[in-house]
Amino acid sequence: MGEAQIYREYGDAGSFLARTREALEGQEAANGLMLGIALRLVHEPNAYGGRLPYYATVESAAGLQVAALMTPPYKLQIYAQEDYDRAGLGLVAEALVGGEWPVPGVMAHQAVAEAFAAIWRDRTGAGHRVGMRQRIYELRQVTPPAYPPGEFRPAAVEDIELARQWGRGFYEDCFGDEHYQRTVATAEDKIKNGTLFLWVDGAPRSMAGRTRPTPHGEAIGFVYTPPGERRKGYASAVVARLSQQILDEGKLFCTLYTDLSNPTSNDIYQKVGYRPVADVVDIEFEDRP
């Protein structure tokens, strides 16, 4: 595009959202991760612990081009307009290097993530490897599955040890077990906040959590069924019932992320009414030389 690019950083989530919210809500399901996290940070600035978050935008005369959000120690998230100027990504990289921010990786739509990773390599000499490729799904109407025996209920305090164990299994399946301590905290918080749900058939068989509400939607995550209980319809049941609950409470849609390398989960969610919205990629940076 060749237009002048203006880089800005923000000291809090409210200021960041004042500039980015309209753009993010324009494709709310696809941008729900960044939007939901920023909305939470408005009220809980230290929600993700560690160093205070990084918020930045790049604008041109045409308007917002790039938005970036990072909550250390988690990866950098980038939103970019379809016709964004790559130079805007360079401004973000330069600011992160200059501010000595620890950047473990980037998560964004594939072309944007790959472009930023190349810029990061040029600026820092750090290599990178492609991590999980994910697909964002949106549901606006539940297609009821063939429900297995059992019932849907909120997880209770007496379920906390089970939630810890299953949370560890979830992260081992998705990311390796290095996130164990974070998983324990997530399980405990979800039970305390009333956002973790179970399918119970004699005993708990599967779980799912609700997270990151946005103005018109809410995400479902933390979905896990232990290996011995899989292929019995429990995951479909808990996700379908939780999705319906979210819609019944007034949200227009639900979203979730899937690992594209797992055909089973992608198939399960589509059968209960989820439809693909966008693909994103997770790229991990190696230590700088």
C-alpha atoms as a PDB file:
ATOM      1  CA  MET A   1       0.000   0.000   0.000  1.00  0.00           C
ATOM      2  CA  GLY A   2       2.928   2.334   0.627  1.00  0.00           C
ATOM      3  CA  GLU A   3       1.079   4.550   3.139  1.00  0.00           C
ATOM      4  CA  ALA A   4       2.672   5.892   6.303  1.00  0.00           C
ATOM      5  CA  GLN A   5       2.274   3.475   9.193  1.00  0.00           C
ATOM      6  CA  ILE A   6       1.710   4.785  12.724  1.00  0.00           C
ATOM      7  CA  TYR A   7       2.576   2.489  15.623  1.00  0.00           C
ATOM      8  CA  ARG A   8       0.988   2.986  19.045  1.00  0.00           C
ATOM      9  CA  GLU A   9       1.191   1.143  22.349  1.00  0.00           C
ATOM     10  CA  TYR A  10      -1.500   1.244  25.019  1.00  0.00           C
ATOM     11  CA  GLY A  11      -1.216   1.068  28.778  1.00  0.00           C
ATOM     12  CA  ASP A  12      -4.461  -0.785  29.408  1.00  0.00           C
ATOM     13  CA  ALA A  13      -7.065  -2.956  27.740  1.00  0.00           C
ATOM     14  CA  GLY A  14      -9.718  -0.260  27.699  1.00  0.00           C
ATOM     15  CA  SER A  15      -7.588   2.094  25.621  1.00  0.00           C
ATOM     16  CA  PHE A  16      -6.640  -0.749  23.287  1.00  0.00           C
ATOM     17  CA  LEU A  17     -10.276  -1.757  22.791  1.00  0.00           C
ATOM     18  CA  ALA A  18     -11.347   1.820  22.157  1.00  0.00           C
ATOM     19  CA  ARG A  19      -9.296   1.652  18.962  1.00  0.00           C
ATOM     20  CA  THR A  20      -9.727  -2.010  17.987  1.00  0.00           C
ATOM     21  CA  ARG A  21     -13.140  -3.134  19.171  1.00  0.00           C
ATOM     22  CA  GLU A  22     -15.112  -2.141  16.088  1.00  0.00           C
ATOM     23  CA  ALA A  23     -12.727  -4.028  13.804  1.00  0.00           C
ATOM     24  CA  LEU A  24     -12.581  -7.102  16.045  1.00  0.00           C
ATOM     25  CA  GLU A  25     -16.356  -7.257  16.399  1.00  0.00           C
ATOM     26  CA  GLY A  26     -16.697  -7.039  12.618  1.00  0.00           C
ATOM     27  CA  GLN A  27     -15.699 -10.710  12.571  1.00  0.00           C
ATOM     28  CA  GLU A  28     -16.432 -11.520  16.172  1.00  0.00           C
ATOM     29  CA  ALA A  29     -16.228 -15.308  15.959  1.00  0.00           C
ATOM     30  CA  ALA A  30     -12.905 -15.273  14.125  1.00  0.00           C
ATOM     31  CA  ASN A  31     -11.438 -12.643  16.474  1.00  0.00           C
ATOM     32  CA  GLY A  32     -12.992 -13.967  19.650  1.00  0.00           C
ATOM     33  CA  LEU A  33      -9.723 -14.991  21.272  1.00  0.00           C
ATOM     34  CA  MET A  34      -8.174 -11.529  21.177  1.00  0.00           C
ATOM     35  CA  LEU A  35     -11.469  -9.768  21.868  1.00  0.00           C
ATOM     36  CA  GLY A  36     -12.442 -12.029  24.742  1.00  0.00           C
ATOM     37  CA  ILE A  37      -9.050 -11.760  26.420  1.00  0.00           C
ATOM     38  CA  ALA A  38      -8.987  -7.969  26.061  1.00  0.00           C
ATOM     39  CA  LEU A  39     -12.495  -7.653  27.494  1.00  0.00           C
ATOM     40  CA  ARG A  40     -11.491  -9.738  30.509  1.00  0.00           C
ATOM     41  CA  LEU A  41      -8.359  -7.632  31.015  1.00  0.00           C
ATOM     42  CA  VAL A  42     -10.465  -4.486  31.278  1.00  0.00           C
ATOM     43  CA  HIS A  43     -11.758  -5.756  34.632  1.00  0.00           C
ATOM     44  CA  GLU A  44      -8.859  -8.059  35.570  1.00  0.00           C
ATOM     45  CA  PRO A  45      -5.591  -6.456  34.394  1.00  0.00           C
ATOM     46  CA  ASN A  46      -3.531  -9.225  36.032  1.00  0.00           C
ATOM     47  CA  ALA A  47      -5.768 -12.098  34.973  1.00  0.00           C
ATOM     48  CA  TYR A  48      -2.977 -13.934  33.191  1.00  0.00           C
ATOM     49  CA  GLY A  49      -0.208 -13.225  35.712  1.00  0.00           C
ATOM     50  CA  GLY A  50       3.380 -12.404  34.941  1.00  0.00           C
ATOM     51  CA  ARG A  51       4.355  -9.208  33.165  1.00  0.00           C
ATOM     52  CA  LEU A  52       1.626  -6.717  32.315  1.00  0.00           C
ATOM     53  CA  PRO A  53       0.120  -7.284  28.866  1.00  0.00           C
ATOM     54  CA  TYR A  54       1.394  -5.777  25.638  1.00  0.00           C
ATOM     55  CA  TYR A  55      -1.162  -3.884  23.547  1.00  0.00           C
ATOM     56  CA  ALA A  56      -0.345  -2.211  20.230  1.00  0.00           C
ATOM     57  CA  THR A  57      -1.859  -1.073  16.949  1.00  0.00           C
ATOM     58  CA  VAL A  58      -0.564   0.018  13.570  1.00  0.00           C
ATOM     59  CA  GLU A  59      -2.674   2.443  11.570  1.00  0.00           C
ATOM     60  CA  SER A  60      -2.511   4.171   8.227  1.00  0.00           C
ATOM     61  CA  ALA A  61      -4.648   6.833   6.618  1.00  0.00           C
ATOM     62  CA  ALA A  62      -7.008   4.004   5.673  1.00  0.00           C
ATOM     63  CA  GLY A  63      -7.514   3.084   9.337  1.00  0.00           C
ATOM     64  CA  LEU A  64      -6.506   0.196  11.567  1.00  0.00           C
ATOM     65  CA  GLN A  65      -4.129  -2.222   9.863  1.00  0.00           C
ATOM     66  CA  VAL A  66      -2.721  -4.388  12.665  1.00  0.00           C
ATOM     67  CA  ALA A  67      -3.592  -5.062  16.299  1.00  0.00           C
ATOM     68  CA  ALA A  68      -1.321  -7.027  18.625  1.00  0.00           C
ATOM     69  CA  LEU A  69      -1.938  -8.388  22.113  1.00  0.00           C
ATOM     70  CA  MET A  70       0.310 -10.499  24.330  1.00  0.00           C
ATOM     71  CA  THR A  71      -0.146 -11.691  27.899  1.00  0.00           C
ATOM     72  CA  PRO A  72       3.280 -13.075  28.911  1.00  0.00           C
ATOM     73  CA  PRO A  73       4.169 -15.923  29.156  1.00  0.00           C
ATOM     74  CA  TYR A  74       1.678 -16.693  26.370  1.00  0.00           C
ATOM     75  CA  LYS A  75       2.198 -16.162  22.661  1.00  0.00           C
ATOM     76  CA  LEU A  76       1.699 -12.934  20.757  1.00  0.00           C
ATOM     77  CA  GLN A  77      -1.680 -12.635  19.008  1.00  0.00           C
ATOM     78  CA  ILE A  78      -2.001 -10.585  15.850  1.00  0.00           C
ATOM     79  CA  TYR A  79      -5.061  -9.316  14.005  1.00  0.00           C
ATOM     80  CA  ALA A  80      -4.526  -7.858  10.546  1.00  0.00           C
ATOM     81  CA  GLN A  81      -6.816  -6.438   7.905  1.00  0.00           C
ATOM     82  CA  GLU A  82      -6.960  -8.452   4.686  1.00  0.00           C
ATOM     83  CA  ASP A  83      -5.038  -5.746   2.801  1.00  0.00           C
ATOM     84  CA  TYR A  84      -2.561  -5.007   5.621  1.00  0.00           C
ATOM     85  CA  ASP A  85       0.898  -3.688   4.825  1.00  0.00           C
ATOM     86  CA  ARG A  86       3.640  -6.089   5.921  1.00  0.00           C
ATOM     87  CA  ALA A  87       5.591  -3.062   7.156  1.00  0.00           C
ATOM     88  CA  GLY A  88       3.109  -2.829  10.022  1.00  0.00           C
ATOM     89  CA  LEU A  89       4.212  -6.238  11.285  1.00  0.00           C
ATOM     90  CA  GLY A  90       7.776  -4.980  11.159  1.00  0.00           C
ATOM     91  CA  LEU A  91       6.879  -2.070  13.440  1.00  0.00           C
ATOM     92  CA  VAL A  92       5.409  -4.492  15.970  1.00  0.00           C
ATOM     93  CA  ALA A  93       8.524  -6.681  15.835  1.00  0.00           C
ATOM     94  CA  GLU A  94      10.842  -3.689  16.273  1.00  0.00           C
ATOM     95  CA  ALA A  95       8.899  -2.468  19.303  1.00  0.00           C
ATOM     96  CA  LEU A  96       8.928  -5.891  20.945  1.00  0.00           C
ATOM     97  CA  VAL A  97      12.673  -6.225  20.420  1.00  0.00           C
ATOM     98  CA  GLY A  98      13.302  -2.686  21.652  1.00  0.00           C
ATOM     99  CA  GLY A  99      11.144  -3.249  24.726  1.00  0.00           C
ATOM    100  CA  GLU A 100      12.897  -6.540  25.462  1.00  0.00           C
ATOM    101  CA  TRP A 101       9.596  -8.368  25.529  1.00  0.00           C
ATOM    102  CA  PRO A 102       9.831 -12.158  25.862  1.00  0.00           C
ATOM    103  CA  VAL A 103       8.009 -13.449  22.773  1.00  0.00           C
ATOM    104  CA  PRO A 104       7.617 -17.251  22.813  1.00  0.00           C
ATOM    105  CA  GLY A 105       5.736 -17.354  19.526  1.00  0.00           C
ATOM    106  CA  VAL A 106       2.859 -15.962  17.512  1.00  0.00           C
ATOM    107  CA  MET A 107      -0.722 -17.041  16.857  1.00  0.00           C
ATOM    108  CA  ALA A 108      -2.663 -15.602  13.929  1.00  0.00           C
ATOM    109  CA  HIS A 109      -4.202 -16.494  10.601  1.00  0.00           C
ATOM    110  CA  GLN A 110      -1.634 -18.551   8.749  1.00  0.00           C
ATOM    111  CA  ALA A 111      -0.344 -15.959   6.276  1.00  0.00           C
ATOM    112  CA  VAL A 112      -0.019 -13.312   8.996  1.00  0.00           C
ATOM    113  CA  ALA A 113       1.698 -15.668  11.458  1.00  0.00           C
ATOM    114  CA  GLU A 114       4.165 -16.853   8.824  1.00  0.00           C
ATOM    115  CA  ALA A 115       4.934 -13.292   7.728  1.00  0.00           C
ATOM    116  CA  PHE A 116       5.561 -12.191  11.310  1.00  0.00           C
ATOM    117  CA  ALA A 117       7.759 -15.235  12.003  1.00  0.00           C
ATOM    118  CA  ALA A 118       9.927 -14.354   8.987  1.00  0.00           C
ATOM    119  CA  ILE A 119      10.233 -10.749  10.182  1.00  0.00           C
ATOM    120  CA  TRP A 120      11.075 -11.913  13.697  1.00  0.00           C
ATOM    121  CA  ARG A 121      13.822 -14.155  12.320  1.00  0.00           C
ATOM    122  CA  ASP A 122      15.265 -11.250  10.329  1.00  0.00           C
ATOM    123  CA  ARG A 123      15.191  -8.931  13.369  1.00  0.00           C
ATOM    124  CA  THR A 124      16.467 -11.375  15.995  1.00  0.00           C
ATOM    125  CA  GLY A 125      18.100 -14.309  14.236  1.00  0.00           C
ATOM    126  CA  ALA A 126      15.730 -16.641  16.091  1.00  0.00           C
ATOM    127  CA  GLY A 127      14.384 -19.634  14.209  1.00  0.00           C
ATOM    128  CA  HIS A 128      10.875 -20.963  14.552  1.00  0.00           C
ATOM    129  CA  ARG A 129       8.804 -24.085  14.132  1.00  0.00           C
ATOM    130  CA  VAL A 130       5.159 -24.476  13.235  1.00  0.00           C
ATOM    131  CA  GLY A 131       3.126 -25.751  16.157  1.00  0.00           C
ATOM    132  CA  MET A 132      -0.566 -26.542  16.150  1.00  0.00           C
ATOM    133  CA  ARG A 133      -2.734 -25.693  13.153  1.00  0.00           C
ATOM    134  CA  GLN A 134      -6.214 -24.915  14.402  1.00  0.00           C
ATOM    135  CA  ARG A 135      -9.640 -24.256  12.958  1.00  0.00           C
ATOM    136  CA  ILE A 136     -12.116 -21.831  14.492  1.00  0.00           C
ATOM    137  CA  TYR A 137     -15.733 -23.012  14.421  1.00  0.00           C
ATOM    138  CA  GLU A 138     -18.981 -21.144  15.038  1.00  0.00           C
ATOM    139  CA  LEU A 139     -22.375 -22.541  16.057  1.00  0.00           C
ATOM    140  CA  ARG A 140     -25.652 -20.633  15.895  1.00  0.00           C
ATOM    141  CA  GLN A 141     -28.062 -23.565  16.243  1.00  0.00           C
ATOM    142  CA  VAL A 142     -27.434 -26.896  17.924  1.00  0.00           C
ATOM    143  CA  THR A 143     -28.010 -30.086  15.965  1.00  0.00           C
ATOM    144  CA  PRO A 144     -28.924 -32.487  18.795  1.00  0.00           C
ATOM    145  CA  PRO A 145     -26.818 -35.648  18.764  1.00  0.00           C
ATOM    146  CA  ALA A 146     -27.997 -39.101  19.802  1.00  0.00           C
ATOM    147  CA  TYR A 147     -27.514 -38.479  23.500  1.00  0.00           C
ATOM    148  CA  PRO A 148     -25.926 -41.306  25.507  1.00  0.00           C
ATOM    149  CA  PRO A 149     -27.255 -42.287  28.929  1.00  0.00           C
ATOM    150  CA  GLY A 150     -26.523 -39.786  31.651  1.00  0.00           C
ATOM    151  CA  GLU A 151     -27.025 -36.152  32.490  1.00  0.00           C
ATOM    152  CA  PHE A 152     -25.403 -32.759  32.025  1.00  0.00           C
ATOM    153  CA  ARG A 153     -24.489 -30.843  35.163  1.00  0.00           C
ATOM    154  CA  PRO A 154     -22.094 -28.183  36.470  1.00  0.00           C
ATOM    155  CA  ALA A 155     -18.897 -29.462  38.041  1.00  0.00           C
ATOM    156  CA  ALA A 156     -18.937 -29.095  41.827  1.00  0.00           C
ATOM    157  CA  VAL A 157     -16.274 -28.710  44.494  1.00  0.00           C
ATOM    158  CA  GLU A 158     -16.169 -32.480  44.990  1.00  0.00           C
ATOM    159  CA  ASP A 159     -15.144 -32.824  41.314  1.00  0.00           C
ATOM    160  CA  ILE A 160     -12.027 -30.690  41.645  1.00  0.00           C
ATOM    161  CA  GLU A 161      -9.491 -33.512  41.831  1.00  0.00           C
ATOM    162  CA  LEU A 162     -11.062 -35.186  38.808  1.00  0.00           C
ATOM    163  CA  ALA A 163     -10.958 -31.867  36.936  1.00  0.00           C
ATOM    164  CA  ARG A 164      -7.271 -31.499  37.774  1.00  0.00           C
ATOM    165  CA  GLN A 165      -6.525 -34.974  36.420  1.00  0.00           C
ATOM    166  CA  TRP A 166      -8.584 -34.466  33.289  1.00  0.00           C
ATOM    167  CA  GLY A 167      -7.129 -31.006  32.784  1.00  0.00           C
ATOM    168  CA  ARG A 168      -3.672 -32.514  32.764  1.00  0.00           C
ATOM    169  CA  GLY A 169      -4.847 -35.112  30.246  1.00  0.00           C
ATOM    170  CA  PHE A 170      -6.273 -32.349  28.068  1.00  0.00           C
ATOM    171  CA  TYR A 171      -2.993 -30.452  27.962  1.00  0.00           C
ATOM    172  CA  GLU A 172      -0.928 -33.581  27.467  1.00  0.00           C
ATOM    173  CA  ASP A 173      -3.089 -34.421  24.441  1.00  0.00           C
ATOM    174  CA  CYS A 174      -2.842 -30.906  23.025  1.00  0.00           C
ATOM    175  CA  PHE A 175       0.437 -29.387  24.113  1.00  0.00           C
ATOM    176  CA  GLY A 176       2.556 -31.819  26.129  1.00  0.00           C
ATOM    177  CA  ASP A 177       2.568 -31.867  29.908  1.00  0.00           C
ATOM    178  CA  GLU A 178       4.654 -28.752  30.560  1.00  0.00           C
ATOM    179  CA  HIS A 179       1.461 -26.791  31.287  1.00  0.00           C
ATOM    180  CA  TYR A 180       0.445 -28.940  34.247  1.00  0.00           C
ATOM    181  CA  GLN A 181       0.510 -26.215  36.909  1.00  0.00           C
ATOM    182  CA  ARG A 182      -1.486 -23.834  34.719  1.00  0.00           C
ATOM    183  CA  THR A 183      -3.979 -26.628  34.120  1.00  0.00           C
ATOM    184  CA  VAL A 184      -4.520 -27.209  37.826  1.00  0.00           C
ATOM    185  CA  ALA A 185      -5.210 -23.507  38.306  1.00  0.00           C
ATOM    186  CA  THR A 186      -7.569 -23.441  35.303  1.00  0.00           C
ATOM    187  CA  ALA A 187      -9.553 -26.423  36.592  1.00  0.00           C
ATOM    188  CA  GLU A 188      -9.876 -24.922  40.052  1.00  0.00           C
ATOM    189  CA  ASP A 189     -10.882 -21.508  38.723  1.00  0.00           C
ATOM    190  CA  LYS A 190     -13.515 -22.943  36.403  1.00  0.00           C
ATOM    191  CA  ILE A 191     -15.175 -24.882  39.195  1.00  0.00           C
ATOM    192  CA  LYS A 192     -15.118 -21.856  41.495  1.00  0.00           C
ATOM    193  CA  ASN A 193     -16.555 -19.650  38.733  1.00  0.00           C
ATOM    194  CA  GLY A 194     -19.216 -22.158  37.686  1.00  0.00           C
ATOM    195  CA  THR A 195     -17.892 -22.464  34.133  1.00  0.00           C
ATOM    196  CA  LEU A 196     -16.959 -26.169  34.021  1.00  0.00           C
ATOM    197  CA  PHE A 197     -19.560 -28.790  33.100  1.00  0.00           C
ATOM    198  CA  LEU A 198     -19.706 -32.575  33.060  1.00  0.00           C
ATOM    199  CA  TRP A 199     -21.576 -35.378  31.361  1.00  0.00           C
ATOM    200  CA  VAL A 200     -22.290 -37.904  34.107  1.00  0.00           C
ATOM    201  CA  ASP A 201     -23.318 -41.491  33.399  1.00  0.00           C
ATOM    202  CA  GLY A 202     -23.061 -43.115  36.800  1.00  0.00           C
ATOM    203  CA  ALA A 203     -19.742 -41.278  37.104  1.00  0.00           C
ATOM    204  CA  PRO A 204     -18.328 -38.270  35.210  1.00  0.00           C
ATOM    205  CA  ARG A 205     -17.419 -39.265  31.642  1.00  0.00           C
ATOM    206  CA  SER A 206     -16.547 -36.016  29.828  1.00  0.00           C
ATOM    207  CA  MET A 207     -16.079 -32.310  30.544  1.00  0.00           C
ATOM    208  CA  ALA A 208     -16.249 -28.949  28.776  1.00  0.00           C
ATOM    209  CA  GLY A 209     -15.825 -25.367  29.921  1.00  0.00           C
ATOM    210  CA  ARG A 210     -17.133 -22.006  28.819  1.00  0.00           C
ATOM    211  CA  THR A 211     -14.752 -19.092  28.451  1.00  0.00           C
ATOM    212  CA  ARG A 212     -14.013 -15.709  26.851  1.00  0.00           C
ATOM    213  CA  PRO A 213     -17.476 -14.166  26.483  1.00  0.00           C
ATOM    214  CA  THR A 214     -17.737 -11.473  23.827  1.00  0.00           C
ATOM    215  CA  PRO A 215     -20.699  -9.155  23.160  1.00  0.00           C
ATOM    216  CA  HIS A 216     -22.582 -11.694  21.043  1.00  0.00           C
ATOM    217  CA  GLY A 217     -20.821 -15.003  21.631  1.00  0.00           C
ATOM    218  CA  GLU A 218     -18.885 -17.223  23.990  1.00  0.00           C
ATOM    219  CA  ALA A 219     -16.207 -19.858  23.507  1.00  0.00           C
ATOM    220  CA  ILE A 220     -16.191 -23.481  24.596  1.00  0.00           C
ATOM    221  CA  GLY A 221     -12.910 -25.111  25.526  1.00  0.00           C
ATOM    222  CA  PHE A 222     -11.250 -27.469  27.991  1.00  0.00           C
ATOM    223  CA  VAL A 223     -13.115 -30.346  26.301  1.00  0.00           C
ATOM    224  CA  TYR A 224     -11.795 -33.697  27.463  1.00  0.00           C
ATOM    225  CA  THR A 225     -12.914 -37.316  27.652  1.00  0.00           C
ATOM    226  CA  PRO A 226     -10.527 -39.874  29.188  1.00  0.00           C
ATOM    227  CA  PRO A 227      -9.323 -42.513  26.695  1.00  0.00           C
ATOM    228  CA  GLY A 228     -11.436 -45.340  28.108  1.00  0.00           C
ATOM    229  CA  GLU A 229     -14.660 -43.355  27.655  1.00  0.00           C
ATOM    230  CA  ARG A 230     -14.140 -42.120  24.111  1.00  0.00           C
ATOM    231  CA  ARG A 231     -16.323 -42.977  21.106  1.00  0.00           C
ATOM    232  CA  LYS A 232     -19.385 -43.326  23.307  1.00  0.00           C
ATOM    233  CA  GLY A 233     -20.967 -39.950  22.523  1.00  0.00           C
ATOM    234  CA  TYR A 234     -20.058 -38.251  25.802  1.00  0.00           C
ATOM    235  CA  ALA A 235     -18.040 -35.386  24.281  1.00  0.00           C
ATOM    236  CA  SER A 236     -20.762 -34.659  21.727  1.00  0.00           C
ATOM    237  CA  ALA A 237     -23.338 -34.639  24.510  1.00  0.00           C
ATOM    238  CA  VAL A 238     -21.528 -32.259  26.871  1.00  0.00           C
ATOM    239  CA  VAL A 239     -20.569 -29.857  24.066  1.00  0.00           C
ATOM    240  CA  ALA A 240     -24.074 -29.846  22.568  1.00  0.00           C
ATOM    241  CA  ARG A 241     -25.765 -29.206  25.919  1.00  0.00           C
ATOM    242  CA  LEU A 242     -23.293 -26.499  26.929  1.00  0.00           C
ATOM    243  CA  SER A 243     -23.660 -24.826  23.526  1.00  0.00           C
ATOM    244  CA  GLN A 244     -27.443 -24.823  23.913  1.00  0.00           C
ATOM    245  CA  GLN A 245     -27.152 -23.359  27.404  1.00  0.00           C
ATOM    246  CA  ILE A 246     -25.036 -20.486  26.097  1.00  0.00           C
ATOM    247  CA  LEU A 247     -27.548 -19.786  23.311  1.00  0.00           C
ATOM    248  CA  ASP A 248     -30.480 -20.021  25.733  1.00  0.00           C
ATOM    249  CA  GLU A 249     -28.835 -17.365  27.903  1.00  0.00           C
ATOM    250  CA  GLY A 250     -28.959 -14.923  24.995  1.00  0.00           C
ATOM    251  CA  LYS A 251     -25.706 -15.271  23.073  1.00  0.00           C
ATOM    252  CA  LEU A 252     -26.071 -15.442  19.295  1.00  0.00           C
ATOM    253  CA  PHE A 253     -23.290 -17.953  18.754  1.00  0.00           C
ATOM    254  CA  CYS A 254     -20.689 -20.209  20.348  1.00  0.00           C
ATOM    255  CA  THR A 255     -17.147 -20.753  19.123  1.00  0.00           C
ATOM    256  CA  LEU A 256     -14.434 -23.312  19.670  1.00  0.00           C
ATOM    257  CA  TYR A 257     -10.969 -24.149  18.398  1.00  0.00           C
ATOM    258  CA  THR A 258      -9.912 -27.566  17.131  1.00  0.00           C
ATOM    259  CA  ASP A 259      -6.592 -29.147  16.277  1.00  0.00           C
ATOM    260  CA  LEU A 260      -6.694 -29.744  12.522  1.00  0.00           C
ATOM    261  CA  SER A 261      -4.595 -32.885  12.970  1.00  0.00           C
ATOM    262  CA  ASN A 262      -7.408 -34.481  15.012  1.00  0.00           C
ATOM    263  CA  PRO A 263     -10.141 -35.563  12.573  1.00  0.00           C
ATOM    264  CA  THR A 264     -12.273 -37.048  15.361  1.00  0.00           C
ATOM    265  CA  SER A 265     -12.849 -33.777  17.213  1.00  0.00           C
ATOM    266  CA  ASN A 266     -13.416 -31.845  13.996  1.00  0.00           C
ATOM    267  CA  ASP A 267     -16.065 -34.388  12.975  1.00  0.00           C
ATOM    268  CA  ILE A 268     -17.759 -34.401  16.391  1.00  0.00           C
ATOM    269  CA  TYR A 269     -18.229 -30.655  16.512  1.00  0.00           C
ATOM    270  CA  GLN A 270     -19.558 -30.360  12.981  1.00  0.00           C
ATOM    271  CA  LYS A 271     -22.176 -33.016  13.726  1.00  0.00           C
ATOM    272  CA  VAL A 272     -23.635 -30.902  16.544  1.00  0.00           C
ATOM    273  CA  GLY A 273     -23.818 -27.774  14.382  1.00  0.00           C
ATOM    274  CA  TYR A 274     -20.400 -26.093  14.343  1.00  0.00           C
ATOM    275  CA  ARG A 275     -19.249 -24.601  11.028  1.00  0.00           C
ATOM    276  CA  PRO A 276     -15.710 -23.525  10.027  1.00  0.00           C
ATOM    277  CA  VAL A 277     -14.942 -19.815  10.226  1.00  0.00           C
ATOM    278  CA  ALA A 278     -11.169 -19.453   9.877  1.00  0.00           C
ATOM    279  CA  ASP A 279      -7.880 -21.296  10.261  1.00  0.00           C
ATOM    280  CA  VAL A 280      -5.069 -20.110  12.495  1.00  0.00           C
ATOM    281  CA  VAL A 281      -1.569 -21.372  13.148  1.00  0.00           C
ATOM    282  CA  ASP A 282       0.567 -21.391  16.256  1.00  0.00           C
ATOM    283  CA  ILE A 283       4.271 -20.715  15.562  1.00  0.00           C
ATOM    284  CA  GLU A 284       6.858 -21.187  18.298  1.00  0.00           C
ATOM    285  CA  PHE A 285      10.083 -19.163  18.330  1.00  0.00           C
ATOM    286  CA  GLU A 286      13.417 -20.619  19.275  1.00  0.00           C
ATOM    287  CA  ASP A 287      15.648 -18.774  21.706  1.00  0.00           C
ATOM    288  CA  ARG A 288      17.510 -15.891  20.131  1.00  0.00           C
ATOM    289  CA  PRO A 289      21.141 -16.735  19.344  1.00  0.00           C
END
